[in-house]
Amino acid sequence: KKDGVLIVNDQRIEPITVVTGAAVYPEQIIENLEKEHTVYKINAMEE
C-alpha cells in the first residue's frame, strides 16, 4: 500500500539466471526502494 511498510533483510542470494550470466543482479536495491517506500532494513544473517 502507499502507506505500507517494507521490512528487508539485507542479503544477496543470486538467482540461477545471475549465476549463469543470463542476467545481472541489480545494484542499490534497498536505496532505490527507499525512494518510494517506507523501508526498514536489517542484516539478519550477520546478526
ModelCIF file with pLDDT and N, C-alpha, C, O atoms, coordinates in Angstrom:
data_MODEL
#
_entry.id   MODEL 
#
_entity.id                         1 
_entity.type                       polymer 
_entity.pdbx_number_of_molecules   1 
#
_entity_poly.entity_id                      1 
_entity_poly.type                           'polypeptide(L)' 
_entity_poly.nstd_linkage                   no 
_entity_poly.nstd_monomer                   no 
_entity_poly.pdbx_seq_one_letter_code       KKDGVLIVNDQRIEPITVVTGAAVYPEQIIENLEKEHTVYKINAMEE 
_entity_poly.pdbx_seq_one_letter_code_can   KKDGVLIVNDQRIEPITVVTGAAVYPEQIIENLEKEHTVYKINAMEE 
_entity_poly.pdbx_strand_id                 A 
#
loop_
_entity_poly_seq.entity_id 
_entity_poly_seq.num 
_entity_poly_seq.mon_id 
_entity_poly_seq.hetero 
1 1  LYS n 
1 2  LYS n 
1 3  ASP n 
1 4  GLY n 
1 5  VAL n 
1 6  LEU n 
1 7  ILE n 
1 8  VAL n 
1 9  ASN n 
1 10 ASP n 
1 11 GLN n 
1 12 ARG n 
1 13 ILE n 
1 14 GLU n 
1 15 PRO n 
1 16 ILE n 
1 17 THR n 
1 18 VAL n 
1 19 VAL n 
1 20 THR n 
1 21 GLY n 
1 22 ALA n 
1 23 ALA n 
1 24 VAL n 
1 25 TYR n 
1 26 PRO n 
1 27 GLU n 
1 28 GLN n 
1 29 ILE n 
1 30 ILE n 
1 31 GLU n 
1 32 ASN n 
1 33 LEU n 
1 34 GLU n 
1 35 LYS n 
1 36 GLU n 
1 37 HIS n 
1 38 THR n 
1 39 VAL n 
1 40 TYR n 
1 41 LYS n 
1 42 ILE n 
1 43 ASN n 
1 44 ALA n 
1 45 MET n 
1 46 GLU n 
1 47 GLU n 
#
_struct_asym.id          A 
_struct_asym.entity_id   1 
#
loop_
_ma_qa_metric.id 
_ma_qa_metric.mode 
_ma_qa_metric.name 
_ma_qa_metric.software_group_id 
_ma_qa_metric.type 
1 global pLDDT . pLDDT 
2 local  pLDDT . pLDDT 
#
_ma_qa_metric_global.metric_id      1 
_ma_qa_metric_global.metric_value   94.26 
_ma_qa_metric_global.model_id       1 
_ma_qa_metric_global.ordinal_id     1 
#
loop_
_ma_qa_metric_local.label_asym_id 
_ma_qa_metric_local.label_comp_id 
_ma_qa_metric_local.label_seq_id 
_ma_qa_metric_local.metric_id 
_ma_qa_metric_local.metric_value 
_ma_qa_metric_local.model_id 
_ma_qa_metric_local.ordinal_id 
A LYS 1  2 97.00 1 1  
A LYS 2  2 94.00 1 2  
A ASP 3  2 95.00 1 3  
A GLY 4  2 96.00 1 4  
A VAL 5  2 97.00 1 5  
A LEU 6  2 98.00 1 6  
A ILE 7  2 98.00 1 7  
A VAL 8  2 98.00 1 8  
A ASN 9  2 97.00 1 9  
A ASP 10 2 96.00 1 10 
A GLN 11 2 93.00 1 11 
A ARG 12 2 92.00 1 12 
A ILE 13 2 89.00 1 13 
A GLU 14 2 88.00 1 14 
A PRO 15 2 87.00 1 15 
A ILE 16 2 83.00 1 16 
A THR 17 2 85.00 1 17 
A VAL 18 2 89.00 1 18 
A VAL 19 2 89.00 1 19 
A THR 20 2 90.00 1 20 
A GLY 21 2 92.00 1 21 
A ALA 22 2 92.00 1 22 
A ALA 23 2 92.00 1 23 
A VAL 24 2 94.00 1 24 
A TYR 25 2 94.00 1 25 
A PRO 26 2 95.00 1 26 
A GLU 27 2 94.00 1 27 
A GLN 28 2 96.00 1 28 
A ILE 29 2 97.00 1 29 
A ILE 30 2 97.00 1 30 
A GLU 31 2 97.00 1 31 
A ASN 32 2 97.00 1 32 
A LEU 33 2 97.00 1 33 
A GLU 34 2 97.00 1 34 
A LYS 35 2 96.00 1 35 
A GLU 36 2 96.00 1 36 
A HIS 37 2 97.00 1 37 
A THR 38 2 97.00 1 38 
A VAL 39 2 98.00 1 39 
A TYR 40 2 97.00 1 40 
A LYS 41 2 96.00 1 41 
A ILE 42 2 96.00 1 42 
A ASN 43 2 96.00 1 43 
A ALA 44 2 95.00 1 44 
A MET 45 2 94.00 1 45 
A GLU 46 2 95.00 1 46 
A GLU 47 2 95.00 1 47 
#
loop_
_atom_site.group_PDB 
_atom_site.id 
_atom_site.type_symbol 
_atom_site.label_atom_id 
_atom_site.label_alt_id 
_atom_site.label_comp_id 
_atom_site.label_asym_id 
_atom_site.label_entity_id 
_atom_site.label_seq_id 
_atom_site.pdbx_PDB_ins_code 
_atom_site.Cartn_x 
_atom_site.Cartn_y 
_atom_site.Cartn_z 
_atom_site.occupancy 
_atom_site.B_iso_or_equiv 
_atom_site.pdbx_formal_charge 
_atom_site.auth_seq_id 
_atom_site.auth_comp_id 
_atom_site.auth_asym_id 
_atom_site.auth_atom_id 
_atom_site.pdbx_PDB_model_num 
ATOM 1   N N  . LYS A 1 1  ? 0.858  -1.184  0.000   1.00 97.00 ? 1  LYS A N  1 
ATOM 2   C CA . LYS A 1 1  ? 0.000  0.000   0.000   1.00 97.00 ? 1  LYS A CA 1 
ATOM 3   C C  . LYS A 1 1  ? 0.890  1.228   0.000   1.00 97.00 ? 1  LYS A C  1 
ATOM 4   O O  . LYS A 1 1  ? 2.083  1.133   0.291   1.00 97.00 ? 1  LYS A O  1 
ATOM 5   N N  . LYS A 1 2  ? 0.322  2.378   -0.324  1.00 94.00 ? 2  LYS A N  1 
ATOM 6   C CA . LYS A 1 2  ? 1.094  3.628   -0.282  1.00 94.00 ? 2  LYS A CA 1 
ATOM 7   C C  . LYS A 1 2  ? 1.707  3.858   1.085   1.00 94.00 ? 2  LYS A C  1 
ATOM 8   O O  . LYS A 1 2  ? 2.849  4.307   1.184   1.00 94.00 ? 2  LYS A O  1 
ATOM 9   N N  . ASP A 1 3  ? 0.963  3.557   2.141   1.00 95.00 ? 3  ASP A N  1 
ATOM 10  C CA . ASP A 1 3  ? 1.476  3.753   3.500   1.00 95.00 ? 3  ASP A CA 1 
ATOM 11  C C  . ASP A 1 3  ? 1.971  2.449   4.118   1.00 95.00 ? 3  ASP A C  1 
ATOM 12  O O  . ASP A 1 3  ? 2.119  2.361   5.337   1.00 95.00 ? 3  ASP A O  1 
ATOM 13  N N  . GLY A 1 4  ? 2.226  1.439   3.292   1.00 96.00 ? 4  GLY A N  1 
ATOM 14  C CA . GLY A 1 4  ? 2.719  0.151   3.783   1.00 96.00 ? 4  GLY A CA 1 
ATOM 15  C C  . GLY A 1 4  ? 4.182  0.229   4.208   1.00 96.00 ? 4  GLY A C  1 
ATOM 16  O O  . GLY A 1 4  ? 4.887  1.194   3.914   1.00 96.00 ? 4  GLY A O  1 
ATOM 17  N N  . VAL A 1 5  ? 4.606  -0.801  4.898   1.00 97.00 ? 5  VAL A N  1 
ATOM 18  C CA . VAL A 1 5  ? 5.962  -0.873  5.438   1.00 97.00 ? 5  VAL A CA 1 
ATOM 19  C C  . VAL A 1 5  ? 6.675  -2.071  4.826   1.00 97.00 ? 5  VAL A C  1 
ATOM 20  O O  . VAL A 1 5  ? 6.119  -3.167  4.744   1.00 97.00 ? 5  VAL A O  1 
ATOM 21  N N  . LEU A 1 6  ? 7.907  -1.849  4.401   1.00 98.00 ? 6  LEU A N  1 
ATOM 22  C CA . LEU A 1 6  ? 8.738  -2.895  3.801   1.00 98.00 ? 6  LEU A CA 1 
ATOM 23  C C  . LEU A 1 6  ? 9.874  -3.222  4.755   1.00 98.00 ? 6  LEU A C  1 
ATOM 24  O O  . LEU A 1 6  ? 10.679 -2.355  5.094   1.00 98.00 ? 6  LEU A O  1 
ATOM 25  N N  . ILE A 1 7  ? 9.935  -4.474  5.185   1.00 98.00 ? 7  ILE A N  1 
ATOM 26  C CA . ILE A 1 7  ? 10.997 -4.959  6.069   1.00 98.00 ? 7  ILE A CA 1 
ATOM 27  C C  . ILE A 1 7  ? 11.917 -5.805  5.194   1.00 98.00 ? 7  ILE A C  1 
ATOM 28  O O  . ILE A 1 7  ? 11.476 -6.800  4.619   1.00 98.00 ? 7  ILE A O  1 
ATOM 29  N N  . VAL A 1 8  ? 13.197 -5.419  5.084   1.00 98.00 ? 8  VAL A N  1 
ATOM 30  C CA . VAL A 1 8  ? 14.108 -6.092  4.162   1.00 98.00 ? 8  VAL A CA 1 
ATOM 31  C C  . VAL A 1 8  ? 15.330 -6.640  4.895   1.00 98.00 ? 8  VAL A C  1 
ATOM 32  O O  . VAL A 1 8  ? 16.010 -5.925  5.632   1.00 98.00 ? 8  VAL A O  1 
ATOM 33  N N  . ASN A 1 9  ? 15.584 -7.909  4.676   1.00 97.00 ? 9  ASN A N  1 
ATOM 34  C CA . ASN A 1 9  ? 16.842 -8.494  5.117   1.00 97.00 ? 9  ASN A CA 1 
ATOM 35  C C  . ASN A 1 9  ? 17.891 -8.162  4.053   1.00 97.00 ? 9  ASN A C  1 
ATOM 36  O O  . ASN A 1 9  ? 17.747 -8.542  2.891   1.00 97.00 ? 9  ASN A O  1 
ATOM 37  N N  . ASP A 1 10 ? 18.925 -7.465  4.451   1.00 96.00 ? 10 ASP A N  1 
ATOM 38  C CA . ASP A 1 10 ? 19.969 -7.030  3.515   1.00 96.00 ? 10 ASP A CA 1 
ATOM 39  C C  . ASP A 1 10 ? 20.885 -8.202  3.181   1.00 96.00 ? 10 ASP A C  1 
ATOM 40  O O  . ASP A 1 10 ? 22.037 -8.261  3.611   1.00 96.00 ? 10 ASP A O  1 
ATOM 41  N N  . GLN A 1 11 ? 20.341 -9.128  2.405   1.00 93.00 ? 11 GLN A N  1 
ATOM 42  C CA . GLN A 1 11 ? 21.083 -10.314 1.990   1.00 93.00 ? 11 GLN A CA 1 
ATOM 43  C C  . GLN A 1 11 ? 20.932 -10.487 0.491   1.00 93.00 ? 11 GLN A C  1 
ATOM 44  O O  . GLN A 1 11 ? 19.869 -10.241 -0.079  1.00 93.00 ? 11 GLN A O  1 
ATOM 45  N N  . ARG A 1 12 ? 22.008 -10.911 -0.128  1.00 92.00 ? 12 ARG A N  1 
ATOM 46  C CA . ARG A 1 12 ? 22.016 -11.128 -1.580  1.00 92.00 ? 12 ARG A CA 1 
ATOM 47  C C  . ARG A 1 12 ? 22.159 -12.624 -1.856  1.00 92.00 ? 12 ARG A C  1 
ATOM 48  O O  . ARG A 1 12 ? 23.153 -13.251 -1.491  1.00 92.00 ? 12 ARG A O  1 
ATOM 49  N N  . ILE A 1 13 ? 21.137 -13.175 -2.510  1.00 89.00 ? 13 ILE A N  1 
ATOM 50  C CA . ILE A 1 13 ? 21.189 -14.561 -2.979  1.00 89.00 ? 13 ILE A CA 1 
ATOM 51  C C  . ILE A 1 13 ? 20.945 -14.503 -4.479  1.00 89.00 ? 13 ILE A C  1 
ATOM 52  O O  . ILE A 1 13 ? 19.851 -14.157 -4.928  1.00 89.00 ? 13 ILE A O  1 
ATOM 53  N N  . GLU A 1 14 ? 21.946 -14.836 -5.232  1.00 88.00 ? 14 GLU A N  1 
ATOM 54  C CA . GLU A 1 14 ? 21.837 -14.708 -6.681  1.00 88.00 ? 14 GLU A CA 1 
ATOM 55  C C  . GLU A 1 14 ? 20.987 -15.821 -7.276  1.00 88.00 ? 14 GLU A C  1 
ATOM 56  O O  . GLU A 1 14 ? 21.244 -16.999 -7.032  1.00 88.00 ? 14 GLU A O  1 
ATOM 57  N N  . PRO A 1 15 ? 19.970 -15.449 -8.059  1.00 87.00 ? 15 PRO A N  1 
ATOM 58  C CA . PRO A 1 15 ? 19.166 -16.466 -8.740  1.00 87.00 ? 15 PRO A CA 1 
ATOM 59  C C  . PRO A 1 15 ? 19.985 -17.140 -9.839  1.00 87.00 ? 15 PRO A C  1 
ATOM 60  O O  . PRO A 1 15 ? 21.031 -16.632 -10.245 1.00 87.00 ? 15 PRO A O  1 
ATOM 61  N N  . ILE A 1 16 ? 19.512 -18.258 -10.302 1.00 83.00 ? 16 ILE A N  1 
ATOM 62  C CA . ILE A 1 16 ? 20.238 -19.049 -11.304 1.00 83.00 ? 16 ILE A CA 1 
ATOM 63  C C  . ILE A 1 16 ? 20.546 -18.238 -12.559 1.00 83.00 ? 16 ILE A C  1 
ATOM 64  O O  . ILE A 1 16 ? 21.584 -18.449 -13.185 1.00 83.00 ? 16 ILE A O  1 
ATOM 65  N N  . THR A 1 17 ? 19.663 -17.314 -12.937 1.00 85.00 ? 17 THR A N  1 
ATOM 66  C CA . THR A 1 17 ? 19.915 -16.507 -14.137 1.00 85.00 ? 17 THR A CA 1 
ATOM 67  C C  . THR A 1 17 ? 21.139 -15.612 -13.957 1.00 85.00 ? 17 THR A C  1 
ATOM 68  O O  . THR A 1 17 ? 21.861 -15.346 -14.918 1.00 85.00 ? 17 THR A O  1 
ATOM 69  N N  . VAL A 1 18 ? 21.373 -15.154 -12.743 1.00 89.00 ? 18 VAL A N  1 
ATOM 70  C CA . VAL A 1 18 ? 22.560 -14.345 -12.466 1.00 89.00 ? 18 VAL A CA 1 
ATOM 71  C C  . VAL A 1 18 ? 23.797 -15.238 -12.397 1.00 89.00 ? 18 VAL A C  1 
ATOM 72  O O  . VAL A 1 18 ? 24.852 -14.885 -12.923 1.00 89.00 ? 18 VAL A O  1 
ATOM 73  N N  . VAL A 1 19 ? 23.666 -16.383 -11.753 1.00 89.00 ? 19 VAL A N  1 
ATOM 74  C CA . VAL A 1 19 ? 24.781 -17.323 -11.617 1.00 89.00 ? 19 VAL A CA 1 
ATOM 75  C C  . VAL A 1 19 ? 25.283 -17.772 -12.984 1.00 89.00 ? 19 VAL A C  1 
ATOM 76  O O  . VAL A 1 19 ? 26.488 -17.906 -13.195 1.00 89.00 ? 19 VAL A O  1 
ATOM 77  N N  . THR A 1 20 ? 24.358 -18.003 -13.908 1.00 90.00 ? 20 THR A N  1 
ATOM 78  C CA . THR A 1 20 ? 24.747 -18.480 -15.239 1.00 90.00 ? 20 THR A CA 1 
ATOM 79  C C  . THR A 1 20 ? 25.166 -17.349 -16.182 1.00 90.00 ? 20 THR A C  1 
ATOM 80  O O  . THR A 1 20 ? 25.630 -17.611 -17.292 1.00 90.00 ? 20 THR A O  1 
ATOM 81  N N  . GLY A 1 21 ? 25.006 -16.098 -15.750 1.00 92.00 ? 21 GLY A N  1 
ATOM 82  C CA . GLY A 1 21 ? 25.390 -14.965 -16.586 1.00 92.00 ? 21 GLY A CA 1 
ATOM 83  C C  . GLY A 1 21 ? 24.297 -14.467 -17.512 1.00 92.00 ? 21 GLY A C  1 
ATOM 84  O O  . GLY A 1 21 ? 24.533 -13.560 -18.310 1.00 92.00 ? 21 GLY A O  1 
ATOM 85  N N  . ALA A 1 22 ? 23.105 -15.040 -17.422 1.00 92.00 ? 22 ALA A N  1 
ATOM 86  C CA . ALA A 1 22 ? 21.998 -14.620 -18.290 1.00 92.00 ? 22 ALA A CA 1 
ATOM 87  C C  . ALA A 1 22 ? 21.372 -13.302 -17.830 1.00 92.00 ? 22 ALA A C  1 
ATOM 88  O O  . ALA A 1 22 ? 20.669 -12.645 -18.598 1.00 92.00 ? 22 ALA A O  1 
ATOM 89  N N  . ALA A 1 23 ? 21.628 -12.916 -16.569 1.00 92.00 ? 23 ALA A N  1 
ATOM 90  C CA . ALA A 1 23 ? 21.077 -11.672 -16.024 1.00 92.00 ? 23 ALA A CA 1 
ATOM 91  C C  . ALA A 1 23 ? 22.094 -11.066 -15.058 1.00 92.00 ? 23 ALA A C  1 
ATOM 92  O O  . ALA A 1 23 ? 23.062 -11.712 -14.658 1.00 92.00 ? 23 ALA A O  1 
ATOM 93  N N  . VAL A 1 24 ? 21.847 -9.826  -14.703 1.00 94.00 ? 24 VAL A N  1 
ATOM 94  C CA . VAL A 1 24 ? 22.730 -9.116  -13.776 1.00 94.00 ? 24 VAL A CA 1 
ATOM 95  C C  . VAL A 1 24 ? 21.934 -8.788  -12.517 1.00 94.00 ? 24 VAL A C  1 
ATOM 96  O O  . VAL A 1 24 ? 20.788 -8.344  -12.597 1.00 94.00 ? 24 VAL A O  1 
ATOM 97  N N  . TYR A 1 25 ? 22.543 -9.008  -11.363 1.00 94.00 ? 25 TYR A N  1 
ATOM 98  C CA . TYR A 1 25 ? 21.896 -8.677  -10.095 1.00 94.00 ? 25 TYR A CA 1 
ATOM 99  C C  . TYR A 1 25 ? 21.881 -7.155  -9.961  1.00 94.00 ? 25 TYR A C  1 
ATOM 100 O O  . TYR A 1 25 ? 22.932 -6.523  -10.062 1.00 94.00 ? 25 TYR A O  1 
ATOM 101 N N  . PRO A 1 26 ? 20.714 -6.556  -9.736  1.00 95.00 ? 26 PRO A N  1 
ATOM 102 C CA . PRO A 1 26 ? 20.639 -5.093  -9.656  1.00 95.00 ? 26 PRO A CA 1 
ATOM 103 C C  . PRO A 1 26 ? 21.429 -4.533  -8.467  1.00 95.00 ? 26 PRO A C  1 
ATOM 104 O O  . PRO A 1 26 ? 21.521 -5.169  -7.417  1.00 95.00 ? 26 PRO A O  1 
ATOM 105 N N  . GLU A 1 27 ? 21.982 -3.367  -8.645  1.00 94.00 ? 27 GLU A N  1 
ATOM 106 C CA . GLU A 1 27 ? 22.715 -2.684  -7.575  1.00 94.00 ? 27 GLU A CA 1 
ATOM 107 C C  . GLU A 1 27 ? 21.784 -1.727  -6.846  1.00 94.00 ? 27 GLU A C  1 
ATOM 108 O O  . GLU A 1 27 ? 20.749 -1.338  -7.387  1.00 94.00 ? 27 GLU A O  1 
ATOM 109 N N  . GLN A 1 28 ? 22.128 -1.355  -5.658  1.00 96.00 ? 28 GLN A N  1 
ATOM 110 C CA . GLN A 1 28 ? 21.420 -0.361  -4.844  1.00 96.00 ? 28 GLN A CA 1 
ATOM 111 C C  . GLN A 1 28 ? 19.917 -0.629  -4.739  1.00 96.00 ? 28 GLN A C  1 
ATOM 112 O O  . GLN A 1 28 ? 19.103 0.287   -4.856  1.00 96.00 ? 28 GLN A O  1 
ATOM 113 N N  . ILE A 1 29 ? 19.568 -1.877  -4.520  1.00 97.00 ? 29 ILE A N  1 
ATOM 114 C CA . ILE A 1 29 ? 18.156 -2.259  -4.428  1.00 97.00 ? 29 ILE A CA 1 
ATOM 115 C C  . ILE A 1 29 ? 17.472 -1.535  -3.278  1.00 97.00 ? 29 ILE A C  1 
ATOM 116 O O  . ILE A 1 29 ? 16.426 -0.912  -3.462  1.00 97.00 ? 29 ILE A O  1 
ATOM 117 N N  . ILE A 1 30 ? 18.060 -1.617  -2.104  1.00 97.00 ? 30 ILE A N  1 
ATOM 118 C CA . ILE A 1 30 ? 17.413 -1.032  -0.926  1.00 97.00 ? 30 ILE A CA 1 
ATOM 119 C C  . ILE A 1 30 ? 17.320 0.485   -1.061  1.00 97.00 ? 30 ILE A C  1 
ATOM 120 O O  . ILE A 1 30 ? 16.289 1.075   -0.736  1.00 97.00 ? 30 ILE A O  1 
ATOM 121 N N  . GLU A 1 31 ? 18.372 1.107   -1.530  1.00 97.00 ? 31 GLU A N  1 
ATOM 122 C CA . GLU A 1 31 ? 18.354 2.567   -1.718  1.00 97.00 ? 31 GLU A CA 1 
ATOM 123 C C  . GLU A 1 31 ? 17.257 2.981   -2.695  1.00 97.00 ? 31 GLU A C  1 
ATOM 124 O O  . GLU A 1 31 ? 16.583 3.987   -2.475  1.00 97.00 ? 31 GLU A O  1 
ATOM 125 N N  . ASN A 1 32 ? 17.074 2.225   -3.756  1.00 97.00 ? 32 ASN A N  1 
ATOM 126 C CA . ASN A 1 32 ? 16.020 2.540   -4.725  1.00 97.00 ? 32 ASN A CA 1 
ATOM 127 C C  . ASN A 1 32 ? 14.626 2.299   -4.143  1.00 97.00 ? 32 ASN A C  1 
ATOM 128 O O  . ASN A 1 32 ? 13.699 3.061   -4.419  1.00 97.00 ? 32 ASN A O  1 
ATOM 129 N N  . LEU A 1 33 ? 14.476 1.260   -3.350  1.00 97.00 ? 33 LEU A N  1 
ATOM 130 C CA . LEU A 1 33 ? 13.187 1.007   -2.706  1.00 97.00 ? 33 LEU A CA 1 
ATOM 131 C C  . LEU A 1 33 ? 12.840 2.120   -1.715  1.00 97.00 ? 33 LEU A C  1 
ATOM 132 O O  . LEU A 1 33 ? 11.672 2.478   -1.567  1.00 97.00 ? 33 LEU A O  1 
ATOM 133 N N  . GLU A 1 34 ? 13.842 2.662   -1.046  1.00 97.00 ? 34 GLU A N  1 
ATOM 134 C CA . GLU A 1 34 ? 13.622 3.729   -0.063  1.00 97.00 ? 34 GLU A CA 1 
ATOM 135 C C  . GLU A 1 34 ? 13.092 5.011   -0.706  1.00 97.00 ? 34 GLU A C  1 
ATOM 136 O O  . GLU A 1 34 ? 12.512 5.851   -0.018  1.00 97.00 ? 34 GLU A O  1 
ATOM 137 N N  . LYS A 1 35 ? 13.283 5.170   -2.005  1.00 96.00 ? 35 LYS A N  1 
ATOM 138 C CA . LYS A 1 35 ? 12.782 6.355   -2.695  1.00 96.00 ? 35 LYS A CA 1 
ATOM 139 C C  . LYS A 1 35 ? 11.257 6.363   -2.794  1.00 96.00 ? 35 LYS A C  1 
ATOM 140 O O  . LYS A 1 35 ? 10.645 7.427   -2.884  1.00 96.00 ? 35 LYS A O  1 
ATOM 141 N N  . GLU A 1 36 ? 10.643 5.172   -2.775  1.00 96.00 ? 36 GLU A N  1 
ATOM 142 C CA . GLU A 1 36 ? 9.196  5.075   -2.947  1.00 96.00 ? 36 GLU A CA 1 
ATOM 143 C C  . GLU A 1 36 ? 8.452  4.478   -1.765  1.00 96.00 ? 36 GLU A C  1 
ATOM 144 O O  . GLU A 1 36 ? 7.228  4.587   -1.691  1.00 96.00 ? 36 GLU A O  1 
ATOM 145 N N  . HIS A 1 37 ? 9.171  3.845   -0.834  1.00 97.00 ? 37 HIS A N  1 
ATOM 146 C CA . HIS A 1 37 ? 8.512  3.113   0.245   1.00 97.00 ? 37 HIS A CA 1 
ATOM 147 C C  . HIS A 1 37 ? 9.157  3.416   1.588   1.00 97.00 ? 37 HIS A C  1 
ATOM 148 O O  . HIS A 1 37 ? 10.285 3.906   1.655   1.00 97.00 ? 37 HIS A O  1 
ATOM 149 N N  . THR A 1 38 ? 8.427  3.119   2.655   1.00 97.00 ? 38 THR A N  1 
ATOM 150 C CA . THR A 1 38 ? 8.996  3.160   3.997   1.00 97.00 ? 38 THR A CA 1 
ATOM 151 C C  . THR A 1 38 ? 9.696  1.820   4.203   1.00 97.00 ? 38 THR A C  1 
ATOM 152 O O  . THR A 1 38 ? 9.052  0.771   4.253   1.00 97.00 ? 38 THR A O  1 
ATOM 153 N N  . VAL A 1 39 ? 11.011 1.869   4.321   1.00 98.00 ? 39 VAL A N  1 
ATOM 154 C CA . VAL A 1 39 ? 11.820 0.658   4.369   1.00 98.00 ? 39 VAL A CA 1 
ATOM 155 C C  . VAL A 1 39 ? 12.581 0.583   5.690   1.00 98.00 ? 39 VAL A C  1 
ATOM 156 O O  . VAL A 1 39 ? 13.186 1.558   6.135   1.00 98.00 ? 39 VAL A O  1 
ATOM 157 N N  . TYR A 1 40 ? 12.536 -0.594  6.302   1.00 97.00 ? 40 TYR A N  1 
ATOM 158 C CA . TYR A 1 40 ? 13.356 -0.895  7.472   1.00 97.00 ? 40 TYR A CA 1 
ATOM 159 C C  . TYR A 1 40 ? 14.233 -2.064  7.086   1.00 97.00 ? 40 TYR A C  1 
ATOM 160 O O  . TYR A 1 40 ? 13.732 -3.113  6.680   1.00 97.00 ? 40 TYR A O  1 
ATOM 161 N N  . LYS A 1 41 ? 15.535 -1.894  7.209   1.00 96.00 ? 41 LYS A N  1 
ATOM 162 C CA . LYS A 1 41 ? 16.435 -2.968  6.790   1.00 96.00 ? 41 LYS A CA 1 
ATOM 163 C C  . LYS A 1 41 ? 17.212 -3.508  7.979   1.00 96.00 ? 41 LYS A C  1 
ATOM 164 O O  . LYS A 1 41 ? 17.429 -2.834  8.986   1.00 96.00 ? 41 LYS A O  1 
ATOM 165 N N  . ILE A 1 42 ? 17.617 -4.749  7.811   1.00 96.00 ? 42 ILE A N  1 
ATOM 166 C CA . ILE A 1 42 ? 18.405 -5.438  8.824   1.00 96.00 ? 42 ILE A CA 1 
ATOM 167 C C  . ILE A 1 42 ? 19.311 -6.427  8.109   1.00 96.00 ? 42 ILE A C  1 
ATOM 168 O O  . ILE A 1 42 ? 18.908 -7.053  7.128   1.00 96.00 ? 42 ILE A O  1 
ATOM 169 N N  . ASN A 1 43 ? 20.535 -6.565  8.601   1.00 96.00 ? 43 ASN A N  1 
ATOM 170 C CA . ASN A 1 43 ? 21.392 -7.632  8.101   1.00 96.00 ? 43 ASN A CA 1 
ATOM 171 C C  . ASN A 1 43 ? 21.231 -8.782  9.083   1.00 96.00 ? 43 ASN A C  1 
ATOM 172 O O  . ASN A 1 43 ? 22.085 -9.015  9.938   1.00 96.00 ? 43 ASN A O  1 
ATOM 173 N N  . ALA A 1 44 ? 20.129 -9.487  8.945   1.00 95.00 ? 44 ALA A N  1 
ATOM 174 C CA . ALA A 1 44 ? 19.736 -10.509 9.907   1.00 95.00 ? 44 ALA A CA 1 
ATOM 175 C C  . ALA A 1 44 ? 20.686 -11.696 9.929   1.00 95.00 ? 44 ALA A C  1 
ATOM 176 O O  . ALA A 1 44 ? 20.897 -12.293 10.984  1.00 95.00 ? 44 ALA A O  1 
ATOM 177 N N  . MET A 1 45 ? 21.257 -12.048 8.795   1.00 94.00 ? 45 MET A N  1 
ATOM 178 C CA . MET A 1 45 ? 22.185 -13.181 8.764   1.00 94.00 ? 45 MET A CA 1 
ATOM 179 C C  . MET A 1 45 ? 23.405 -12.876 9.633   1.00 94.00 ? 45 MET A C  1 
ATOM 180 O O  . MET A 1 45 ? 23.840 -13.717 10.421  1.00 94.00 ? 45 MET A O  1 
ATOM 181 N N  . GLU A 1 46 ? 23.944 -11.687 9.487   1.00 95.00 ? 46 GLU A N  1 
ATOM 182 C CA . GLU A 1 46 ? 25.105 -11.288 10.291  1.00 95.00 ? 46 GLU A CA 1 
ATOM 183 C C  . GLU A 1 46 ? 24.747 -11.250 11.779  1.00 95.00 ? 46 GLU A C  1 
ATOM 184 O O  . GLU A 1 46 ? 25.514 -11.719 12.619  1.00 95.00 ? 46 GLU A O  1 
ATOM 185 N N  . GLU A 1 47 ? 23.592 -10.695 12.093  1.00 95.00 ? 47 GLU A N  1 
ATOM 186 C CA . GLU A 1 47 ? 23.157 -10.607 13.494  1.00 95.00 ? 47 GLU A CA 1 
ATOM 187 C C  . GLU A 1 47 ? 22.885 -11.998 14.076  1.00 95.00 ? 47 GLU A C  1 
ATOM 188 O O  . GLU A 1 47 ? 22.511 -12.118 15.243  1.00 95.00 ? 47 GLU A O  1 
#
